[in-house]
Amino acid sequence: MSEESDWKLFRKKLPQWQEHHMQKLLDDYAAIISAPSLASDRFWALENRLRRDVRHTGVRAEMRRSRMHQNIARLLNEGSITVEDLEDFSDEIKESAAFNQKNFQ
């Protein structure tokens, strides 16, 4: 598989991965909102989470070919995807992802 094939596959899969990641975030937010605590505490907890989570690659990714490896590493480290989600990618992408996951955890 070529770099071009990996790029096309990444562009195809990223929206699905992001949708799944955002659903997990929404589930987390629902738990924050329904926690048995003061409304103000829940509000500020939610606001803090949103401010942090909006920077996730699983929410917003810089779509440049030159950032594909970094984006994949960030998706792995955020828990947006797993190594198994990369099964259709080239060995180079899988090796890079495994290396990055091991060195950035």
N, C-alpha and C. Protein backbone atom coordinates (compact mmCIF):
# COMPACT_ATOMS: atom_id res chain seq x y z
N MET A 1 0.85 -1.18 0.00
CA MET A 1 0.00 0.00 0.00
C MET A 1 0.89 1.23 0.00
N SER A 2 0.50 2.24 -0.70
CA SER A 2 1.30 3.45 -0.83
C SER A 2 0.86 4.51 0.18
N GLU A 3 1.68 5.52 0.29
CA GLU A 3 1.34 6.67 1.13
C GLU A 3 0.03 7.30 0.67
N GLU A 4 -0.16 7.35 -0.65
CA GLU A 4 -1.40 7.92 -1.21
C GLU A 4 -2.61 7.09 -0.80
N SER A 5 -2.48 5.77 -0.83
CA SER A 5 -3.58 4.90 -0.41
C SER A 5 -3.89 5.08 1.06
N ASP A 6 -2.83 5.20 1.88
CA ASP A 6 -3.03 5.44 3.30
C ASP A 6 -3.76 6.77 3.53
N TRP A 7 -3.38 7.79 2.79
CA TRP A 7 -3.99 9.11 2.93
C TRP A 7 -5.48 9.05 2.58
N LYS A 8 -5.81 8.38 1.49
CA LYS A 8 -7.21 8.25 1.08
C LYS A 8 -8.01 7.47 2.13
N LEU A 9 -7.42 6.41 2.64
CA LEU A 9 -8.09 5.61 3.66
C LEU A 9 -8.27 6.41 4.95
N PHE A 10 -7.25 7.16 5.32
CA PHE A 10 -7.34 8.00 6.52
C PHE A 10 -8.47 9.03 6.37
N ARG A 11 -8.54 9.68 5.23
CA ARG A 11 -9.61 10.66 5.01
C ARG A 11 -10.99 10.01 5.04
N LYS A 12 -11.08 8.77 4.62
CA LYS A 12 -12.36 8.05 4.64
C LYS A 12 -12.75 7.66 6.07
N LYS A 13 -11.78 7.17 6.84
CA LYS A 13 -12.07 6.64 8.17
C LYS A 13 -12.17 7.71 9.25
N LEU A 14 -11.47 8.81 9.09
CA LEU A 14 -11.44 9.82 10.16
C LEU A 14 -12.83 10.29 10.59
N PRO A 15 -13.73 10.62 9.68
CA PRO A 15 -15.05 11.06 10.14
C PRO A 15 -15.78 10.02 11.00
N GLN A 16 -15.63 8.75 10.66
CA GLN A 16 -16.24 7.67 11.45
C GLN A 16 -15.61 7.60 12.83
N TRP A 17 -14.29 7.69 12.88
CA TRP A 17 -13.59 7.65 14.16
C TRP A 17 -13.97 8.85 15.03
N GLN A 18 -14.08 10.01 14.40
CA GLN A 18 -14.45 11.21 15.14
C GLN A 18 -15.88 11.10 15.66
N GLU A 19 -16.77 10.60 14.87
CA GLU A 19 -18.16 10.44 15.30
C GLU A 19 -18.24 9.51 16.51
N HIS A 20 -17.51 8.42 16.46
CA HIS A 20 -17.48 7.48 17.58
C HIS A 20 -16.87 8.15 18.83
N HIS A 21 -15.79 8.87 18.64
CA HIS A 21 -15.14 9.56 19.77
C HIS A 21 -16.07 10.59 20.39
N MET A 22 -16.75 11.36 19.56
CA MET A 22 -17.65 12.39 20.08
C MET A 22 -18.84 11.77 20.81
N GLN A 23 -19.29 10.61 20.36
CA GLN A 23 -20.38 9.93 21.08
C GLN A 23 -19.92 9.53 22.48
N LYS A 24 -18.67 9.04 22.58
CA LYS A 24 -18.13 8.71 23.91
C LYS A 24 -18.06 9.95 24.78
N LEU A 25 -17.64 11.06 24.19
CA LEU A 25 -17.58 12.31 24.95
C LEU A 25 -18.96 12.73 25.42
N LEU A 26 -19.96 12.64 24.54
CA LEU A 26 -21.33 13.00 24.93
C LEU A 26 -21.83 12.13 26.08
N ASP A 27 -21.48 10.86 26.06
CA ASP A 27 -21.85 9.98 27.16
C ASP A 27 -21.19 10.44 28.46
N ASP A 28 -19.93 10.84 28.37
CA ASP A 28 -19.23 11.37 29.54
C ASP A 28 -19.90 12.65 30.03
N TYR A 29 -20.28 13.52 29.11
CA TYR A 29 -20.92 14.78 29.49
C TYR A 29 -22.27 14.52 30.17
N ALA A 30 -23.01 13.54 29.67
CA ALA A 30 -24.29 13.20 30.29
C ALA A 30 -24.09 12.76 31.74
N ALA A 31 -23.01 12.01 31.97
CA ALA A 31 -22.71 11.57 33.34
C ALA A 31 -22.35 12.76 34.23
N ILE A 32 -21.63 13.71 33.68
CA ILE A 32 -21.29 14.92 34.44
C ILE A 32 -22.56 15.69 34.79
N ILE A 33 -23.42 15.87 33.81
CA ILE A 33 -24.65 16.64 34.00
C ILE A 33 -25.58 15.99 35.01
N SER A 34 -25.63 14.67 35.00
CA SER A 34 -26.57 13.98 35.89
C SER A 34 -25.97 13.57 37.23
N ALA A 35 -24.75 13.98 37.51
CA ALA A 35 -24.11 13.65 38.79
C ALA A 35 -24.86 14.32 39.94
N PRO A 36 -24.85 13.69 41.10
CA PRO A 36 -25.55 14.26 42.26
C PRO A 36 -24.69 15.32 42.96
N SER A 37 -24.59 16.48 42.35
CA SER A 37 -23.81 17.57 42.94
C SER A 37 -24.48 18.89 42.59
N LEU A 38 -23.92 19.94 43.08
CA LEU A 38 -24.48 21.27 42.81
C LEU A 38 -24.47 21.57 41.32
N ALA A 39 -25.48 22.27 40.86
CA ALA A 39 -25.58 22.64 39.45
C ALA A 39 -24.34 23.42 39.01
N SER A 40 -23.87 24.31 39.85
CA SER A 40 -22.70 25.11 39.48
C SER A 40 -21.46 24.23 39.33
N ASP A 41 -21.31 23.23 40.21
CA ASP A 41 -20.17 22.32 40.10
C ASP A 41 -20.23 21.52 38.80
N ARG A 42 -21.43 21.05 38.46
CA ARG A 42 -21.59 20.29 37.22
C ARG A 42 -21.35 21.17 36.00
N PHE A 43 -21.85 22.41 36.05
CA PHE A 43 -21.67 23.34 34.94
C PHE A 43 -20.19 23.58 34.69
N TRP A 44 -19.44 23.89 35.74
CA TRP A 44 -18.02 24.20 35.56
C TRP A 44 -17.21 22.97 35.19
N ALA A 45 -17.60 21.83 35.71
CA ALA A 45 -16.92 20.58 35.32
C ALA A 45 -17.13 20.32 33.82
N LEU A 46 -18.36 20.52 33.37
CA LEU A 46 -18.65 20.34 31.95
C LEU A 46 -17.89 21.35 31.10
N GLU A 47 -17.87 22.59 31.52
CA GLU A 47 -17.17 23.62 30.78
C GLU A 47 -15.68 23.30 30.66
N ASN A 48 -15.08 22.85 31.74
CA ASN A 48 -13.66 22.47 31.72
C ASN A 48 -13.40 21.30 30.77
N ARG A 49 -14.26 20.30 30.81
CA ARG A 49 -14.11 19.15 29.91
C ARG A 49 -14.24 19.57 28.46
N LEU A 50 -15.24 20.39 28.15
CA LEU A 50 -15.44 20.84 26.77
C LEU A 50 -14.23 21.61 26.26
N ARG A 51 -13.70 22.48 27.09
CA ARG A 51 -12.54 23.27 26.68
C ARG A 51 -11.35 22.36 26.37
N ARG A 52 -11.17 21.30 27.15
CA ARG A 52 -10.08 20.36 26.92
C ARG A 52 -10.36 19.46 25.71
N ASP A 53 -11.57 18.94 25.65
CA ASP A 53 -11.90 17.93 24.63
C ASP A 53 -11.97 18.50 23.22
N VAL A 54 -12.29 19.77 23.08
CA VAL A 54 -12.41 20.34 21.74
C VAL A 54 -11.07 20.34 21.01
N ARG A 55 -9.99 20.21 21.73
CA ARG A 55 -8.67 20.16 21.11
C ARG A 55 -8.27 18.75 20.68
N HIS A 56 -9.06 17.75 21.03
CA HIS A 56 -8.75 16.37 20.64
C HIS A 56 -8.79 16.23 19.12
N THR A 57 -7.91 15.41 18.61
CA THR A 57 -7.93 15.07 17.19
C THR A 57 -9.20 14.29 16.87
N GLY A 58 -9.74 13.60 17.87
CA GLY A 58 -11.00 12.89 17.69
C GLY A 58 -12.19 13.82 17.53
N VAL A 59 -11.97 15.11 17.74
CA VAL A 59 -12.99 16.13 17.54
C VAL A 59 -12.63 17.01 16.35
N ARG A 60 -11.40 17.45 16.33
CA ARG A 60 -10.95 18.39 15.29
C ARG A 60 -9.53 18.01 14.88
N ALA A 61 -9.37 17.67 13.62
CA ALA A 61 -8.05 17.27 13.12
C ALA A 61 -7.60 18.23 12.03
N GLU A 62 -6.32 18.51 12.02
CA GLU A 62 -5.75 19.31 10.94
C GLU A 62 -5.53 18.37 9.76
N MET A 63 -6.32 18.53 8.73
CA MET A 63 -6.31 17.60 7.61
C MET A 63 -5.26 17.98 6.58
N ARG A 64 -4.04 17.62 6.90
CA ARG A 64 -2.94 17.77 5.95
C ARG A 64 -2.21 16.43 5.87
N ARG A 65 -1.85 16.08 4.68
CA ARG A 65 -1.16 14.81 4.47
C ARG A 65 0.09 14.71 5.35
N SER A 66 0.78 15.82 5.51
CA SER A 66 2.01 15.83 6.30
C SER A 66 1.75 15.57 7.79
N ARG A 67 0.52 15.68 8.22
CA ARG A 67 0.18 15.47 9.64
C ARG A 67 -0.51 14.13 9.89
N MET A 68 -0.65 13.31 8.87
CA MET A 68 -1.39 12.06 9.02
C MET A 68 -0.80 11.17 10.12
N HIS A 69 0.51 10.99 10.14
CA HIS A 69 1.12 10.14 11.16
C HIS A 69 0.89 10.72 12.56
N GLN A 70 1.04 12.02 12.70
CA GLN A 70 0.81 12.66 13.99
C GLN A 70 -0.65 12.54 14.40
N ASN A 71 -1.55 12.73 13.45
CA ASN A 71 -2.97 12.60 13.77
C ASN A 71 -3.30 11.19 14.24
N ILE A 72 -2.76 10.20 13.57
CA ILE A 72 -3.02 8.81 13.97
C ILE A 72 -2.47 8.56 15.36
N ALA A 73 -1.26 9.05 15.64
CA ALA A 73 -0.67 8.88 16.98
C ALA A 73 -1.54 9.55 18.04
N ARG A 74 -2.01 10.73 17.75
CA ARG A 74 -2.87 11.44 18.72
C ARG A 74 -4.19 10.72 18.91
N LEU A 75 -4.78 10.21 17.84
CA LEU A 75 -6.03 9.45 17.95
C LEU A 75 -5.84 8.23 18.84
N LEU A 76 -4.71 7.55 18.67
CA LEU A 76 -4.41 6.39 19.51
C LEU A 76 -4.24 6.81 20.97
N ASN A 77 -3.47 7.85 21.21
CA ASN A 77 -3.20 8.28 22.57
C ASN A 77 -4.44 8.83 23.27
N GLU A 78 -5.36 9.41 22.52
CA GLU A 78 -6.62 9.91 23.09
C GLU A 78 -7.61 8.78 23.36
N GLY A 79 -7.35 7.62 22.79
CA GLY A 79 -8.30 6.51 22.91
C GLY A 79 -9.41 6.58 21.88
N SER A 80 -9.24 7.44 20.87
CA SER A 80 -10.26 7.55 19.82
C SER A 80 -10.26 6.33 18.91
N ILE A 81 -9.08 5.73 18.74
CA ILE A 81 -8.95 4.52 17.92
C ILE A 81 -8.01 3.56 18.64
N THR A 82 -7.97 2.34 18.14
CA THR A 82 -7.03 1.33 18.63
C THR A 82 -6.15 0.90 17.46
N VAL A 83 -5.11 0.18 17.75
CA VAL A 83 -4.23 -0.34 16.70
C VAL A 83 -5.04 -1.22 15.74
N GLU A 84 -6.03 -1.90 16.25
CA GLU A 84 -6.87 -2.76 15.40
C GLU A 84 -7.62 -1.94 14.34
N ASP A 85 -7.91 -0.69 14.64
CA ASP A 85 -8.59 0.17 13.66
C ASP A 85 -7.71 0.48 12.46
N LEU A 86 -6.44 0.17 12.55
CA LEU A 86 -5.49 0.46 11.48
C LEU A 86 -5.20 -0.75 10.60
N GLU A 87 -5.97 -1.80 10.74
CA GLU A 87 -5.67 -3.05 10.04
C GLU A 87 -5.63 -2.92 8.52
N ASP A 88 -6.37 -1.98 7.95
CA ASP A 88 -6.39 -1.81 6.50
C ASP A 88 -5.28 -0.90 5.98
N PHE A 89 -4.47 -0.34 6.88
CA PHE A 89 -3.41 0.57 6.49
C PHE A 89 -2.12 -0.20 6.18
N SER A 90 -1.17 0.50 5.62
CA SER A 90 0.12 -0.10 5.27
C SER A 90 0.88 -0.50 6.53
N ASP A 91 1.86 -1.37 6.34
CA ASP A 91 2.71 -1.77 7.46
C ASP A 91 3.45 -0.57 8.04
N GLU A 92 3.81 0.38 7.18
CA GLU A 92 4.52 1.58 7.65
C GLU A 92 3.65 2.36 8.65
N ILE A 93 2.38 2.52 8.35
CA ILE A 93 1.47 3.23 9.26
C ILE A 93 1.32 2.45 10.56
N LYS A 94 1.15 1.15 10.45
CA LYS A 94 0.98 0.31 11.65
C LYS A 94 2.22 0.36 12.53
N GLU A 95 3.40 0.27 11.92
CA GLU A 95 4.64 0.33 12.69
C GLU A 95 4.83 1.69 13.34
N SER A 96 4.55 2.74 12.60
CA SER A 96 4.65 4.10 13.13
C SER A 96 3.68 4.28 14.30
N ALA A 97 2.47 3.78 14.15
CA ALA A 97 1.46 3.89 15.21
C ALA A 97 1.89 3.12 16.45
N ALA A 98 2.39 1.91 16.26
CA ALA A 98 2.84 1.10 17.40
C ALA A 98 4.00 1.78 18.12
N PHE A 99 4.94 2.32 17.36
CA PHE A 99 6.07 3.04 17.94
C PHE A 99 5.59 4.25 18.73
N ASN A 100 4.73 5.05 18.10
CA ASN A 100 4.23 6.25 18.77
C ASN A 100 3.42 5.92 20.01
N GLN A 101 2.61 4.90 19.92
CA GLN A 101 1.78 4.53 21.07
C GLN A 101 2.66 4.09 22.23
N LYS A 102 3.69 3.32 21.94
CA LYS A 102 4.58 2.83 22.98
C LYS A 102 5.38 3.97 23.60
N ASN A 103 5.80 4.94 22.81
CA ASN A 103 6.67 6.00 23.30
C ASN A 103 5.94 7.22 23.86
N PHE A 104 4.65 7.31 23.66
CA PHE A 104 3.92 8.49 24.13
C PHE A 104 2.89 8.17 25.19
N GLN A 105 2.93 7.00 25.76
CA GLN A 105 1.98 6.67 26.82
C GLN A 105 2.58 6.92 28.16
